[in-house]
Amino acid sequence: MQARRIRGIALLAAAVAALGCAAPAFDPVAMDAPPGDPPAQTQDLQFWSEGAHLNALLLLAADAGPHPTAVLLHGFPGNERNLDLAQALRRAGWNAVYFSYRGAWGSGGEFSFGNALEDVAAVVASLRAPAFAREHRVDPERIVLIGHSMGGALSLLSAAKLDGVRCTASLAGANLGAFGGLEHATAEAREQLAATFQTWGEGRIASFSGAALLTEFIGHQSEFASERYAAALARKPVLLVAGANDEVTPPALHHAPLVAAIRAQGGGLLRETTLAGDHSFSASRIALTRVVLAWLDGDCLRTRSGS
């Protein structure tokens, strides 16, 4: 926390004490942060990936920084955006970035899982670029990926490959390797899954084809399987959070196998938990936010990745 923010909290504590009350500890989940200089801001901006624009929001923390910065990766198609978590991150002194992948929610280009992986790498590179980092008060050595559902898979695969990512969290993350064996499924089963993808994506993702997404999954099952990257992930702080009643990415299929795979590689930097609620943690948003913030302030910022 920056010096001005500390002074602001001290002034608040003095004012409360003057009224004869005990000063509450600052809680970024439930309390507004003291004013900073410069103040907190929300900026509408665009990143670029392979010539296509990516629509984005930057929730810029108060004070001069540089600030640790979390990139929130949405799922497919991205109805749950976790912006409540982004606001709490900013109150805790973090920058928070939210963006839409190519082809999704008005961003340019064509959507695919492979393209989305490239988009994550492009955004991380932009945040770490010296000019951008100076202008937006970003600490390029403290970049974190926090993904939900499909975004959880993107966060894990990207963190395994990108040195510029310090640590990563996957919330109700999809293990795309769980779709393995689809090439042997009946034509009817594949058609049903493609139709489901089409329903989810239509109207949200430009020129979307559920059949094309299914074909991509079938053709890249091994490449997209999170367990394949367990050794690399075991060398970085990783947080895995599952929803106990999640019917979209059931924990037994998507969460437990990855926990076991990372632990088999040592996994001393792994933290995992299961919270009440569904795929969007609808019954446990406050609990989810507290888990993420505690992990960020603890394992993520206090631990250096291994090699």
Foldseek 3Di string as FASTA:
>chain_A
DDPVQVVQLVVQQVVCVVVVDGRDDDQLLPDAGGAAVVGWDKDWDWFDFPRWTKTKIKGAAGDQALAQEEEEAAAVVRPQQLVSLQSSCRSVGYIYMYIHFDQFQPIHDADALVSRLRVVVRVLVQCLPVVNCNVRSHDQQRYEYEYAACSLLSRLLNQLPDPSHQEYEYEQYAFLLLCPPVVVDDPVVLVVQLVVSCVRHPPGGPPDGSNVRSVVSHVCSVVSGSLVSLLSNLQHQYEYEHEPAEPVRHCVRGPVVSVVSNVVNVSPNYDYDYDYDYSSPPVQSSVVSVVVVVCCVPSRPVDGGDD
